[in-house]
């Protein structure tokens, strides 16, 4: 069985990635830069931002154009390895 075909998604597809990290003035811009290494068409104006109730953390939703499962995995690895990021869903 081909792992590329063993997926719930049909690629390419638009895919929302949720990222949470400590609130910081450059958090959203930094995350967009990381994602743009994999999807140069990411639109920063479409990034959804939600502060936590205490304001300590910020949640972002970034929409990417995923071309394969490996492409998504690369984006997730880059995000989870970034020091500003606490959680990626």
N, C-alpha and C. Protein backbone atom coordinates (compact mmCIF):
# COMPACT_ATOMS: atom_id res chain seq x y z
N UNK A 1 0.85 -1.18 0.00
CA UNK A 1 0.00 0.00 0.00
C UNK A 1 0.89 1.24 0.00
N UNK A 2 0.56 2.20 -0.81
CA UNK A 2 1.33 3.44 -0.92
C UNK A 2 0.90 4.39 0.20
N UNK A 3 1.85 4.83 1.06
CA UNK A 3 1.48 5.73 2.16
C UNK A 3 0.89 7.05 1.68
N UNK A 4 1.28 7.49 0.50
CA UNK A 4 0.72 8.74 -0.04
C UNK A 4 -0.78 8.59 -0.29
N UNK A 5 -1.22 7.38 -0.62
CA UNK A 5 -2.64 7.15 -0.90
C UNK A 5 -3.41 6.78 0.35
N UNK A 6 -2.71 6.48 1.43
CA UNK A 6 -3.34 6.09 2.69
C UNK A 6 -3.61 7.36 3.50
N UNK A 7 -4.52 8.19 2.99
CA UNK A 7 -4.76 9.48 3.60
C UNK A 7 -6.24 9.82 3.56
N UNK A 8 -6.67 10.64 4.49
CA UNK A 8 -8.05 11.11 4.49
C UNK A 8 -8.22 12.29 3.55
N UNK A 9 -7.12 12.82 3.04
CA UNK A 9 -7.14 14.02 2.21
C UNK A 9 -6.76 13.69 0.78
N UNK A 10 -7.31 14.46 -0.13
CA UNK A 10 -6.88 14.40 -1.53
C UNK A 10 -5.98 15.59 -1.76
N UNK A 11 -4.79 15.32 -2.22
CA UNK A 11 -3.82 16.39 -2.46
C UNK A 11 -3.80 16.76 -3.93
N UNK A 12 -3.56 18.02 -4.24
CA UNK A 12 -3.36 19.14 -3.33
C UNK A 12 -4.67 19.57 -2.68
N UNK A 13 -4.55 20.21 -1.51
CA UNK A 13 -5.73 20.70 -0.80
C UNK A 13 -5.36 21.89 0.08
N UNK A 14 -6.36 22.71 0.38
CA UNK A 14 -6.17 23.79 1.34
C UNK A 14 -6.31 23.18 2.73
N UNK A 15 -5.37 23.50 3.60
CA UNK A 15 -5.33 22.84 4.90
C UNK A 15 -5.07 23.87 6.00
N UNK A 16 -5.93 23.93 7.02
CA UNK A 16 -5.69 24.86 8.13
C UNK A 16 -4.75 24.24 9.16
N UNK A 17 -3.76 24.99 9.57
CA UNK A 17 -2.85 24.55 10.63
C UNK A 17 -3.01 25.51 11.80
N UNK A 18 -3.22 24.95 12.98
CA UNK A 18 -3.38 25.76 14.18
C UNK A 18 -2.08 25.72 14.97
N UNK A 19 -1.60 26.91 15.33
CA UNK A 19 -0.33 27.04 16.03
C UNK A 19 -0.55 27.88 17.28
N UNK A 20 0.01 27.42 18.41
CA UNK A 20 -0.11 28.20 19.64
C UNK A 20 1.28 28.46 20.20
N UNK A 21 1.46 29.68 20.69
CA UNK A 21 2.73 30.04 21.32
C UNK A 21 2.52 31.18 22.29
N UNK A 22 3.57 31.50 23.04
CA UNK A 22 3.53 32.64 23.96
C UNK A 22 3.25 33.90 23.17
N UNK A 23 2.44 34.77 23.71
CA UNK A 23 2.14 36.03 23.04
C UNK A 23 3.42 36.85 22.89
N UNK A 24 3.64 37.35 21.68
CA UNK A 24 4.82 38.14 21.36
C UNK A 24 4.45 39.00 20.16
N UNK A 25 4.90 40.24 20.11
CA UNK A 25 4.52 41.13 19.01
C UNK A 25 4.88 40.58 17.62
N UNK A 26 5.91 39.74 17.53
CA UNK A 26 6.36 39.22 16.24
C UNK A 26 5.92 37.77 15.99
N UNK A 27 5.08 37.22 16.87
CA UNK A 27 4.71 35.81 16.75
C UNK A 27 4.07 35.49 15.40
N UNK A 28 3.03 36.21 15.02
CA UNK A 28 2.33 35.91 13.77
C UNK A 28 3.25 36.08 12.56
N UNK A 29 4.00 37.16 12.51
CA UNK A 29 4.90 37.40 11.37
C UNK A 29 5.97 36.32 11.28
N UNK A 30 6.48 35.89 12.42
CA UNK A 30 7.51 34.85 12.43
C UNK A 30 6.95 33.53 11.92
N UNK A 31 5.75 33.17 12.37
CA UNK A 31 5.14 31.92 11.94
C UNK A 31 4.85 31.95 10.44
N UNK A 32 4.36 33.08 9.94
CA UNK A 32 4.10 33.20 8.50
C UNK A 32 5.41 33.00 7.73
N UNK A 33 6.51 33.56 8.21
CA UNK A 33 7.81 33.37 7.55
C UNK A 33 8.20 31.90 7.50
N UNK A 34 8.00 31.19 8.61
CA UNK A 34 8.34 29.76 8.65
C UNK A 34 7.51 29.00 7.62
N UNK A 35 6.21 29.25 7.60
CA UNK A 35 5.32 28.53 6.68
C UNK A 35 5.62 28.89 5.22
N UNK A 36 6.00 30.13 4.96
CA UNK A 36 6.29 30.56 3.58
C UNK A 36 7.49 29.83 2.98
N UNK A 37 8.34 29.25 3.81
CA UNK A 37 9.44 28.45 3.27
C UNK A 37 8.90 27.22 2.53
N UNK A 38 7.68 26.82 2.87
CA UNK A 38 7.08 25.63 2.28
C UNK A 38 5.92 25.96 1.35
N UNK A 39 5.29 27.11 1.57
CA UNK A 39 4.17 27.56 0.74
C UNK A 39 4.29 29.07 0.57
N UNK A 40 4.92 29.46 -0.52
CA UNK A 40 5.18 30.87 -0.77
C UNK A 40 3.95 31.71 -0.99
N UNK A 41 2.79 31.07 -1.16
CA UNK A 41 1.56 31.80 -1.41
C UNK A 41 0.73 32.06 -0.15
N UNK A 42 1.27 31.75 1.02
CA UNK A 42 0.52 31.99 2.25
C UNK A 42 0.19 33.48 2.36
N UNK A 43 -1.08 33.75 2.62
CA UNK A 43 -1.56 35.12 2.71
C UNK A 43 -1.63 35.53 4.17
N UNK A 44 -0.70 36.40 4.58
CA UNK A 44 -0.65 36.82 5.99
C UNK A 44 -1.93 37.52 6.43
N UNK A 45 -2.64 38.14 5.49
CA UNK A 45 -3.88 38.83 5.86
C UNK A 45 -5.00 37.85 6.20
N UNK A 46 -4.84 36.59 5.83
CA UNK A 46 -5.86 35.57 6.13
C UNK A 46 -5.54 34.77 7.39
N UNK A 47 -4.45 35.08 8.06
CA UNK A 47 -4.09 34.37 9.29
C UNK A 47 -5.05 34.81 10.40
N UNK A 48 -5.70 33.84 11.00
CA UNK A 48 -6.62 34.12 12.10
C UNK A 48 -5.84 34.12 13.41
N UNK A 49 -6.05 35.13 14.22
CA UNK A 49 -5.33 35.29 15.49
C UNK A 49 -6.32 35.32 16.64
N UNK A 50 -6.03 34.54 17.69
CA UNK A 50 -6.88 34.51 18.88
C UNK A 50 -6.00 34.50 20.12
N UNK A 51 -6.09 35.54 20.94
CA UNK A 51 -5.35 35.52 22.21
C UNK A 51 -6.06 34.61 23.22
N UNK A 52 -5.29 34.04 24.14
CA UNK A 52 -5.91 33.26 25.22
C UNK A 52 -6.65 34.22 26.14
N UNK A 53 -7.49 33.69 27.00
CA UNK A 53 -8.28 34.55 27.89
C UNK A 53 -7.39 35.40 28.79
N UNK A 54 -6.24 34.88 29.17
CA UNK A 54 -5.32 35.63 30.03
C UNK A 54 -4.36 36.51 29.21
N UNK A 55 -4.32 36.27 27.90
CA UNK A 55 -3.41 37.04 27.05
C UNK A 55 -1.99 36.50 27.03
N UNK A 56 -1.75 35.42 27.74
CA UNK A 56 -0.40 34.83 27.82
C UNK A 56 -0.01 34.15 26.51
N UNK A 57 -0.98 33.51 25.87
CA UNK A 57 -0.72 32.77 24.64
C UNK A 57 -1.52 33.34 23.48
N UNK A 58 -1.05 33.07 22.28
CA UNK A 58 -1.76 33.45 21.07
C UNK A 58 -1.92 32.22 20.21
N UNK A 59 -3.12 32.04 19.69
CA UNK A 59 -3.40 30.96 18.75
C UNK A 59 -3.53 31.53 17.35
N UNK A 60 -2.93 30.86 16.39
CA UNK A 60 -3.02 31.27 14.99
C UNK A 60 -3.59 30.13 14.17
N UNK A 61 -4.34 30.47 13.13
CA UNK A 61 -4.72 29.49 12.13
C UNK A 61 -4.18 30.00 10.80
N UNK A 62 -3.31 29.19 10.19
CA UNK A 62 -2.69 29.52 8.92
C UNK A 62 -3.18 28.50 7.90
N UNK A 63 -3.66 28.98 6.77
CA UNK A 63 -4.14 28.09 5.71
C UNK A 63 -3.04 27.90 4.68
N UNK A 64 -2.67 26.64 4.44
CA UNK A 64 -1.63 26.32 3.46
C UNK A 64 -2.22 25.52 2.31
N UNK A 65 -1.53 25.53 1.20
CA UNK A 65 -1.89 24.68 0.06
C UNK A 65 -0.96 23.48 0.12
N UNK A 66 -1.46 22.37 0.67
CA UNK A 66 -0.66 21.17 0.86
C UNK A 66 -0.65 20.35 -0.43
N UNK A 67 0.54 19.98 -0.86
CA UNK A 67 0.66 19.20 -2.10
C UNK A 67 0.78 17.71 -1.86
N UNK A 68 1.14 17.32 -0.62
CA UNK A 68 1.28 15.90 -0.28
C UNK A 68 1.35 15.76 1.24
N UNK A 69 1.26 14.54 1.69
CA UNK A 69 1.40 14.27 3.13
C UNK A 69 2.81 14.66 3.59
N UNK A 70 3.80 14.38 2.77
CA UNK A 70 5.19 14.72 3.11
C UNK A 70 5.35 16.23 3.24
N UNK A 71 4.69 16.97 2.37
CA UNK A 71 4.73 18.44 2.42
C UNK A 71 4.16 18.92 3.76
N UNK A 72 3.01 18.39 4.15
CA UNK A 72 2.41 18.76 5.45
C UNK A 72 3.34 18.38 6.60
N UNK A 73 3.92 17.20 6.52
CA UNK A 73 4.83 16.75 7.58
C UNK A 73 6.02 17.70 7.72
N UNK A 74 6.55 18.17 6.60
CA UNK A 74 7.67 19.11 6.63
C UNK A 74 7.27 20.42 7.32
N UNK A 75 6.08 20.91 7.01
CA UNK A 75 5.59 22.14 7.63
C UNK A 75 5.43 21.93 9.13
N UNK A 76 4.82 20.82 9.53
CA UNK A 76 4.61 20.53 10.95
C UNK A 76 5.95 20.42 11.68
N UNK A 77 6.93 19.76 11.07
CA UNK A 77 8.25 19.62 11.72
C UNK A 77 8.90 20.99 11.92
N UNK A 78 8.83 21.84 10.91
CA UNK A 78 9.43 23.17 11.01
C UNK A 78 8.75 23.98 12.11
N UNK A 79 7.44 23.88 12.19
CA UNK A 79 6.71 24.64 13.21
C UNK A 79 6.96 24.10 14.61
N UNK A 80 6.89 22.80 14.79
CA UNK A 80 7.07 22.23 16.12
C UNK A 80 8.51 22.42 16.61
N UNK A 81 9.45 22.57 15.70
CA UNK A 81 10.84 22.78 16.08
C UNK A 81 11.18 24.23 16.35
N UNK A 82 10.25 25.14 16.10
CA UNK A 82 10.53 26.56 16.30
C UNK A 82 10.40 26.91 17.78
N UNK A 83 11.33 27.69 18.32
CA UNK A 83 11.31 27.99 19.76
C UNK A 83 10.10 28.81 20.24
N UNK A 84 9.43 29.54 19.34
CA UNK A 84 8.26 30.33 19.76
C UNK A 84 6.99 29.49 19.84
N UNK A 85 7.01 28.29 19.30
CA UNK A 85 5.80 27.47 19.17
C UNK A 85 5.71 26.47 20.34
N UNK A 86 4.51 26.44 20.92
CA UNK A 86 4.24 25.47 22.01
C UNK A 86 3.49 24.25 21.48
N UNK A 87 2.48 24.48 20.61
CA UNK A 87 1.62 23.40 20.12
C UNK A 87 1.27 23.66 18.66
N UNK A 88 1.22 22.57 17.87
CA UNK A 88 0.76 22.64 16.49
C UNK A 88 -0.29 21.55 16.30
N UNK A 89 -1.44 21.96 15.76
CA UNK A 89 -2.53 21.00 15.49
C UNK A 89 -2.90 21.07 14.02
